[in-house]
Protein backbone atom coordinates (compact mmCIF):
# COMPACT_ATOMS: atom_id res chain seq x y z
CA MET A 1 0.00 0.00 0.00
CA LYS A 2 1.40 3.39 -0.99
CA ARG A 3 1.78 5.91 1.84
CA ALA A 4 0.21 9.35 1.63
CA MET A 5 2.27 12.24 0.26
CA ALA A 6 3.57 14.67 2.89
CA ASP A 7 1.96 18.13 2.97
CA SER A 8 5.28 19.75 3.83
CA ILE A 9 8.94 18.94 4.41
CA LYS A 10 11.49 20.27 6.88
CA LEU A 11 15.08 20.79 5.75
CA LYS A 12 17.70 18.89 7.77
CA SER A 13 20.50 21.45 7.29
CA THR A 14 21.28 24.76 5.63
CA VAL A 15 21.05 24.32 1.87
CA THR A 16 21.27 26.47 -1.27
CA LEU A 17 18.77 25.58 -4.00
CA LYS A 18 18.59 26.94 -7.54
CA HIS A 19 15.49 28.70 -8.89
CA GLN A 20 14.76 29.72 -12.49
CA ALA A 21 11.85 32.17 -12.70
CA ASN A 22 11.28 31.68 -16.44
CA LEU A 23 12.84 29.67 -19.26
CA GLY A 24 15.84 31.47 -20.67
CA GLU A 25 16.48 33.45 -17.47
CA ASP A 26 19.51 32.98 -15.25
CA LEU A 27 19.41 30.66 -12.27
CA ALA A 28 19.17 32.32 -8.87
CA GLU A 29 20.59 30.69 -5.75
CA VAL A 30 18.22 30.74 -2.78
CA GLU A 31 19.50 29.80 0.68
CA PHE A 32 17.32 28.02 3.22
CA ALA A 33 18.15 27.37 6.88
CA ALA A 34 17.94 24.06 8.71
CA GLY A 35 14.37 23.59 9.94
CA ASP A 36 12.74 25.66 7.18
CA GLU A 37 9.46 24.14 6.00
CA LEU A 38 8.39 23.99 2.35
CA SER A 39 5.00 22.95 0.91
CA VAL A 40 5.02 19.71 -1.09
CA LEU A 41 3.31 19.76 -4.51
CA GLN A 42 4.56 16.45 -5.93
CA GLU A 43 6.57 13.49 -4.68
CA TRP A 44 8.86 11.13 -6.59
CA ASP A 45 11.00 8.20 -5.45
CA ASN A 46 14.05 10.36 -4.66
CA ALA A 47 12.80 13.97 -4.55
CA TRP A 48 9.94 16.37 -3.84
CA LEU A 49 8.66 19.30 -5.88
CA VAL A 50 8.13 22.02 -3.28
CA LYS A 51 6.98 25.63 -3.08
CA SER A 52 8.50 28.24 -0.79
CA SER A 53 6.44 30.79 1.12
CA ASP A 54 7.06 33.34 -1.66
CA GLY A 55 5.84 30.97 -4.38
CA LYS A 56 9.15 29.78 -5.86
CA LEU A 57 9.37 26.14 -6.96
CA PHE A 58 12.27 23.80 -6.18
CA ASN A 59 13.17 20.13 -6.55
CA VAL A 60 14.52 18.86 -3.21
CA LYS A 61 16.33 15.52 -2.94
CA LYS A 62 14.90 13.35 -0.17
CA ASP A 63 18.26 13.07 1.64
CA LEU A 64 18.12 16.86 2.32
CA ALA A 65 14.78 16.89 4.13
CA GLU A 66 12.16 14.88 6.01
CA PRO A 67 8.37 15.01 6.11
CA ALA A 68 7.21 17.68 8.56
């Protein structure tokens, strides 16, 4: 039986993730602190698609966070 997808994740340590606002634009590095929570939109075997509080989307590998 497949377990339910987490509503949010909590980062285990300080991490810098890359965000691209639109195709063709430069990547921006966004730093998050340990304990920051992000909303989960999609879950895969080894990563989550998450949204920050300001609406930016990121792929987060599962070894960097845990379900909140």
